[in-house]
Amino acid sequence: PYCANLVTHMDVFLLGEFINKVSLAWIGGAAGAEIFLPEYRSIWGQMGLQVMSITVCTLIIVTTGIVLLSGYGILSIPVLDMQPTFAAKVSICCLIGALMTARS
C-alpha cells in the first residue's frame, strides 16, 4: 500500500488497533471452538459485535449488488429472470447473500 500512496504510515498506525480487533473477531468466528474463550472474556462483546457487523454488511452489500447488477442487465442469472415479482427476486438475492456469508 505504501508504493501506490494509498495509505501512509500514520494511517496504518491509526487504523492498526481497529484492524487487529476486526481480524481477531473474524478469526475467532471462523475458528470457533479452537480458541480458548476464557482468555477473551473481556472483549467477547466487541468480537460478537464485529462478527455480526461483518455478516450484516456482507449480506446487504451482496444482496444489493446482485439486485442492481441483474436489474441493469450486467449480470444474468436465469433463476432471477424467471421470477414474476421484484420481491421474489430480492428474496433469491438474499439467499445468495446468505450463502456468500456462510463458511466453506
N, C-alpha and C. Protein backbone atom coordinates (compact mmCIF):
# COMPACT_ATOMS: atom_id res chain seq x y z
N PRO A 1 0.81 -1.22 0.00
CA PRO A 1 0.00 0.00 0.00
C PRO A 1 0.84 1.27 0.00
N TYR A 2 2.07 1.18 0.49
CA TYR A 2 2.89 2.39 0.53
C TYR A 2 3.38 2.78 -0.86
N CYS A 3 3.57 1.81 -1.75
CA CYS A 3 4.09 2.11 -3.09
C CYS A 3 3.11 2.94 -3.89
N ALA A 4 1.83 2.69 -3.76
CA ALA A 4 0.82 3.41 -4.53
C ALA A 4 0.32 4.65 -3.79
N ASN A 5 0.90 4.94 -2.63
CA ASN A 5 0.48 6.08 -1.81
C ASN A 5 -1.00 6.04 -1.44
N LEU A 6 -1.52 4.84 -1.24
CA LEU A 6 -2.91 4.71 -0.81
C LEU A 6 -3.06 5.01 0.67
N VAL A 7 -2.09 4.58 1.45
CA VAL A 7 -2.10 4.86 2.88
C VAL A 7 -0.70 5.28 3.30
N THR A 8 -0.65 6.04 4.38
CA THR A 8 0.63 6.45 4.93
C THR A 8 0.92 5.63 6.19
N HIS A 9 2.12 5.79 6.71
CA HIS A 9 2.47 5.11 7.95
C HIS A 9 1.56 5.56 9.09
N MET A 10 1.16 6.81 9.08
CA MET A 10 0.28 7.33 10.12
C MET A 10 -1.10 6.69 10.03
N ASP A 11 -1.61 6.48 8.80
CA ASP A 11 -2.90 5.82 8.63
C ASP A 11 -2.86 4.40 9.19
N VAL A 12 -1.78 3.70 8.91
CA VAL A 12 -1.64 2.33 9.43
C VAL A 12 -1.58 2.36 10.95
N PHE A 13 -0.87 3.33 11.51
CA PHE A 13 -0.78 3.45 12.96
C PHE A 13 -2.15 3.72 13.56
N LEU A 14 -2.93 4.63 12.95
CA LEU A 14 -4.25 4.98 13.49
C LEU A 14 -5.26 3.85 13.33
N LEU A 15 -5.18 3.11 12.24
CA LEU A 15 -6.13 2.03 11.99
C LEU A 15 -5.68 0.68 12.54
N GLY A 16 -4.45 0.60 13.04
CA GLY A 16 -3.89 -0.67 13.47
C GLY A 16 -4.71 -1.38 14.52
N GLU A 17 -5.14 -0.67 15.55
CA GLU A 17 -5.92 -1.29 16.62
C GLU A 17 -7.27 -1.78 16.10
N PHE A 18 -7.92 -0.97 15.27
CA PHE A 18 -9.22 -1.37 14.70
C PHE A 18 -9.06 -2.61 13.82
N ILE A 19 -8.03 -2.61 12.98
CA ILE A 19 -7.79 -3.76 12.09
C ILE A 19 -7.50 -5.01 12.90
N ASN A 20 -6.74 -4.87 13.97
CA ASN A 20 -6.44 -6.01 14.82
C ASN A 20 -7.71 -6.57 15.47
N LYS A 21 -8.60 -5.69 15.92
CA LYS A 21 -9.85 -6.15 16.54
C LYS A 21 -10.74 -6.86 15.53
N VAL A 22 -10.86 -6.29 14.33
CA VAL A 22 -11.68 -6.92 13.30
C VAL A 22 -11.08 -8.26 12.89
N SER A 23 -9.76 -8.31 12.76
CA SER A 23 -9.10 -9.57 12.39
C SER A 23 -9.31 -10.62 13.47
N LEU A 24 -9.17 -10.22 14.72
CA LEU A 24 -9.37 -11.16 15.82
C LEU A 24 -10.81 -11.65 15.85
N ALA A 25 -11.77 -10.76 15.59
CA ALA A 25 -13.17 -11.18 15.55
C ALA A 25 -13.41 -12.15 14.41
N TRP A 26 -12.83 -11.89 13.29
CA TRP A 26 -13.01 -12.77 12.12
C TRP A 26 -12.39 -14.14 12.39
N ILE A 27 -11.18 -14.15 12.91
CA ILE A 27 -10.51 -15.41 13.21
C ILE A 27 -11.27 -16.16 14.30
N GLY A 28 -11.71 -15.44 15.31
CA GLY A 28 -12.47 -16.07 16.39
C GLY A 28 -13.76 -16.68 15.91
N GLY A 29 -14.45 -15.99 15.00
CA GLY A 29 -15.68 -16.54 14.45
C GLY A 29 -15.43 -17.75 13.58
N ALA A 30 -14.34 -17.73 12.83
CA ALA A 30 -14.03 -18.84 11.94
C ALA A 30 -13.48 -20.05 12.71
N ALA A 31 -12.70 -19.79 13.75
CA ALA A 31 -12.06 -20.89 14.46
C ALA A 31 -13.02 -21.58 15.43
N GLY A 32 -13.97 -20.82 15.97
CA GLY A 32 -14.95 -21.41 16.87
C GLY A 32 -14.33 -22.00 18.12
N ALA A 33 -14.43 -23.28 18.27
CA ALA A 33 -14.01 -23.97 19.49
C ALA A 33 -12.49 -24.06 19.62
N GLU A 34 -11.76 -23.71 18.58
CA GLU A 34 -10.30 -23.83 18.64
C GLU A 34 -9.65 -22.74 19.48
N ILE A 35 -10.38 -21.67 19.77
CA ILE A 35 -9.83 -20.58 20.58
C ILE A 35 -10.28 -20.79 22.02
N PHE A 36 -9.36 -20.61 22.95
CA PHE A 36 -9.65 -20.76 24.36
C PHE A 36 -10.40 -19.51 24.82
N LEU A 37 -11.71 -19.62 24.98
CA LEU A 37 -12.57 -18.47 25.20
C LEU A 37 -12.36 -17.71 26.50
N PRO A 38 -12.00 -18.36 27.61
CA PRO A 38 -11.80 -17.56 28.83
C PRO A 38 -10.75 -16.45 28.70
N GLU A 39 -9.79 -16.62 27.82
CA GLU A 39 -8.79 -15.58 27.61
C GLU A 39 -9.41 -14.32 26.99
N TYR A 40 -10.49 -14.48 26.27
CA TYR A 40 -11.09 -13.37 25.52
C TYR A 40 -12.39 -12.86 26.14
N ARG A 41 -12.66 -13.19 27.40
CA ARG A 41 -13.91 -12.75 28.03
C ARG A 41 -14.04 -11.23 28.05
N SER A 42 -12.95 -10.53 28.21
CA SER A 42 -13.02 -9.07 28.30
C SER A 42 -13.43 -8.42 26.98
N ILE A 43 -13.16 -9.08 25.86
CA ILE A 43 -13.51 -8.49 24.56
C ILE A 43 -14.56 -9.31 23.82
N TRP A 44 -15.25 -10.20 24.52
CA TRP A 44 -16.25 -11.07 23.89
C TRP A 44 -17.37 -10.25 23.24
N GLY A 45 -17.85 -9.22 23.91
CA GLY A 45 -18.92 -8.39 23.34
C GLY A 45 -18.46 -7.67 22.08
N GLN A 46 -17.24 -7.15 22.09
CA GLN A 46 -16.71 -6.47 20.92
C GLN A 46 -16.55 -7.43 19.75
N MET A 47 -16.07 -8.63 20.05
CA MET A 47 -15.88 -9.62 18.99
C MET A 47 -17.22 -10.00 18.37
N GLY A 48 -18.21 -10.22 19.21
CA GLY A 48 -19.55 -10.57 18.70
C GLY A 48 -20.14 -9.47 17.85
N LEU A 49 -19.98 -8.24 18.31
CA LEU A 49 -20.49 -7.09 17.55
C LEU A 49 -19.80 -6.96 16.20
N GLN A 50 -18.51 -7.18 16.17
CA GLN A 50 -17.78 -7.06 14.92
C GLN A 50 -18.11 -8.19 13.95
N VAL A 51 -18.27 -9.40 14.47
CA VAL A 51 -18.65 -10.51 13.59
C VAL A 51 -20.05 -10.28 13.02
N MET A 52 -20.97 -9.81 13.87
CA MET A 52 -22.32 -9.51 13.38
C MET A 52 -22.30 -8.38 12.35
N SER A 53 -21.49 -7.36 12.59
CA SER A 53 -21.39 -6.24 11.65
C SER A 53 -20.86 -6.70 10.30
N ILE A 54 -19.83 -7.53 10.32
CA ILE A 54 -19.26 -8.05 9.07
C ILE A 54 -20.30 -8.89 8.33
N THR A 55 -21.03 -9.72 9.07
CA THR A 55 -22.04 -10.58 8.45
C THR A 55 -23.17 -9.76 7.84
N VAL A 56 -23.69 -8.80 8.59
CA VAL A 56 -24.80 -7.97 8.10
C VAL A 56 -24.35 -7.12 6.91
N CYS A 57 -23.18 -6.53 7.00
CA CYS A 57 -22.69 -5.71 5.88
C CYS A 57 -22.47 -6.54 4.63
N THR A 58 -21.92 -7.74 4.78
CA THR A 58 -21.73 -8.62 3.62
C THR A 58 -23.07 -8.99 3.00
N LEU A 59 -24.03 -9.33 3.84
CA LEU A 59 -25.36 -9.69 3.34
C LEU A 59 -26.01 -8.52 2.58
N ILE A 60 -25.93 -7.33 3.14
CA ILE A 60 -26.54 -6.16 2.50
C ILE A 60 -25.82 -5.81 1.19
N ILE A 61 -24.49 -5.81 1.21
CA ILE A 61 -23.73 -5.43 0.02
C ILE A 61 -23.94 -6.43 -1.11
N VAL A 62 -23.88 -7.73 -0.79
CA VAL A 62 -24.05 -8.74 -1.83
C VAL A 62 -25.47 -8.72 -2.39
N THR A 63 -26.47 -8.64 -1.50
CA THR A 63 -27.86 -8.63 -1.95
C THR A 63 -28.13 -7.41 -2.83
N THR A 64 -27.73 -6.24 -2.37
CA THR A 64 -27.94 -5.01 -3.15
C THR A 64 -27.18 -5.06 -4.47
N GLY A 65 -25.95 -5.54 -4.43
CA GLY A 65 -25.16 -5.62 -5.65
C GLY A 65 -25.76 -6.53 -6.69
N ILE A 66 -26.24 -7.69 -6.26
CA ILE A 66 -26.83 -8.62 -7.23
C ILE A 66 -28.14 -8.08 -7.78
N VAL A 67 -28.95 -7.46 -6.92
CA VAL A 67 -30.21 -6.86 -7.40
C VAL A 67 -29.92 -5.78 -8.44
N LEU A 68 -28.95 -4.91 -8.14
CA LEU A 68 -28.63 -3.83 -9.08
C LEU A 68 -28.00 -4.35 -10.37
N LEU A 69 -27.05 -5.27 -10.24
CA LEU A 69 -26.39 -5.79 -11.44
C LEU A 69 -27.35 -6.56 -12.33
N SER A 70 -28.25 -7.32 -11.74
CA SER A 70 -29.22 -8.05 -12.56
C SER A 70 -30.29 -7.11 -13.11
N GLY A 71 -30.61 -6.06 -12.36
CA GLY A 71 -31.61 -5.10 -12.82
C GLY A 71 -31.15 -4.30 -14.03
N TYR A 72 -29.85 -3.99 -14.07
CA TYR A 72 -29.30 -3.25 -15.20
C TYR A 72 -28.87 -4.17 -16.35
N GLY A 73 -28.99 -5.47 -16.16
CA GLY A 73 -28.64 -6.40 -17.22
C GLY A 73 -27.16 -6.72 -17.32
N ILE A 74 -26.39 -6.29 -16.34
CA ILE A 74 -24.95 -6.56 -16.35
C ILE A 74 -24.69 -8.01 -15.97
N LEU A 75 -25.48 -8.52 -15.05
CA LEU A 75 -25.34 -9.89 -14.57
C LEU A 75 -26.61 -10.65 -14.90
N SER A 76 -26.47 -11.74 -15.60
CA SER A 76 -27.63 -12.51 -15.99
C SER A 76 -27.69 -13.82 -15.19
N ILE A 77 -28.68 -13.91 -14.31
CA ILE A 77 -28.91 -15.12 -13.54
C ILE A 77 -30.29 -15.64 -13.95
N PRO A 78 -30.35 -16.79 -14.60
CA PRO A 78 -31.62 -17.27 -15.14
C PRO A 78 -32.73 -17.41 -14.10
N VAL A 79 -32.40 -17.85 -12.90
CA VAL A 79 -33.44 -18.02 -11.88
C VAL A 79 -34.04 -16.68 -11.47
N LEU A 80 -33.28 -15.61 -11.53
CA LEU A 80 -33.82 -14.28 -11.23
C LEU A 80 -34.71 -13.79 -12.35
N ASP A 81 -34.34 -14.11 -13.59
CA ASP A 81 -35.15 -13.68 -14.73
C ASP A 81 -36.51 -14.36 -14.76
N MET A 82 -36.62 -15.54 -14.16
CA MET A 82 -37.88 -16.28 -14.16
C MET A 82 -38.84 -15.85 -13.06
N GLN A 83 -38.39 -15.02 -12.12
CA GLN A 83 -39.25 -14.63 -11.00
C GLN A 83 -40.27 -13.57 -11.45
N PRO A 84 -41.55 -13.74 -11.07
CA PRO A 84 -42.59 -12.83 -11.54
C PRO A 84 -42.60 -11.47 -10.84
N THR A 85 -42.17 -11.41 -9.58
CA THR A 85 -42.23 -10.14 -8.84
C THR A 85 -40.85 -9.72 -8.37
N PHE A 86 -40.75 -8.44 -8.05
CA PHE A 86 -39.49 -7.90 -7.54
C PHE A 86 -39.17 -8.49 -6.17
N ALA A 87 -40.20 -8.71 -5.35
CA ALA A 87 -39.98 -9.29 -4.01
C ALA A 87 -39.38 -10.68 -4.12
N ALA A 88 -39.81 -11.45 -5.10
CA ALA A 88 -39.26 -12.79 -5.30
C ALA A 88 -37.79 -12.70 -5.71
N LYS A 89 -37.47 -11.73 -6.55
CA LYS A 89 -36.08 -11.54 -6.98
C LYS A 89 -35.20 -11.15 -5.79
N VAL A 90 -35.71 -10.26 -4.94
CA VAL A 90 -34.95 -9.83 -3.77
C VAL A 90 -34.75 -10.99 -2.81
N SER A 91 -35.75 -11.84 -2.65
CA SER A 91 -35.59 -12.98 -1.73
C SER A 91 -34.55 -13.97 -2.25
N ILE A 92 -34.49 -14.17 -3.58
CA ILE A 92 -33.45 -15.02 -4.16
C ILE A 92 -32.08 -14.39 -3.93
N CYS A 93 -31.99 -13.07 -4.10
CA CYS A 93 -30.73 -12.37 -3.87
C CYS A 93 -30.31 -12.45 -2.40
N CYS A 94 -31.27 -12.41 -1.47
CA CYS A 94 -30.96 -12.58 -0.05
C CYS A 94 -30.41 -13.97 0.22
N LEU A 95 -30.96 -14.96 -0.46
CA LEU A 95 -30.45 -16.32 -0.31
C LEU A 95 -29.00 -16.41 -0.82
N ILE A 96 -28.73 -15.78 -1.95
CA ILE A 96 -27.37 -15.76 -2.48
C ILE A 96 -26.44 -15.05 -1.51
N GLY A 97 -26.90 -13.94 -0.93
CA GLY A 97 -26.09 -13.22 0.05
C GLY A 97 -25.82 -14.05 1.30
N ALA A 98 -26.82 -14.81 1.75
CA ALA A 98 -26.62 -15.68 2.91
C ALA A 98 -25.61 -16.77 2.60
N LEU A 99 -25.64 -17.29 1.39
CA LEU A 99 -24.65 -18.30 1.00
C LEU A 99 -23.25 -17.72 0.92
N MET A 100 -23.16 -16.45 0.56
CA MET A 100 -21.85 -15.79 0.49
C MET A 100 -21.24 -15.63 1.88
N THR A 101 -22.09 -15.46 2.90
CA THR A 101 -21.56 -15.26 4.24
C THR A 101 -21.24 -16.57 4.96
N ALA A 102 -21.75 -17.66 4.45
CA ALA A 102 -21.51 -18.96 5.09
C ALA A 102 -20.07 -19.40 4.89
N ARG A 103 -19.55 -20.09 5.86
CA ARG A 103 -18.18 -20.60 5.73
C ARG A 103 -18.17 -21.81 4.80
N SER A 104 -17.08 -21.95 4.08
CA SER A 104 -16.95 -23.13 3.23
C SER A 104 -16.31 -24.26 4.01
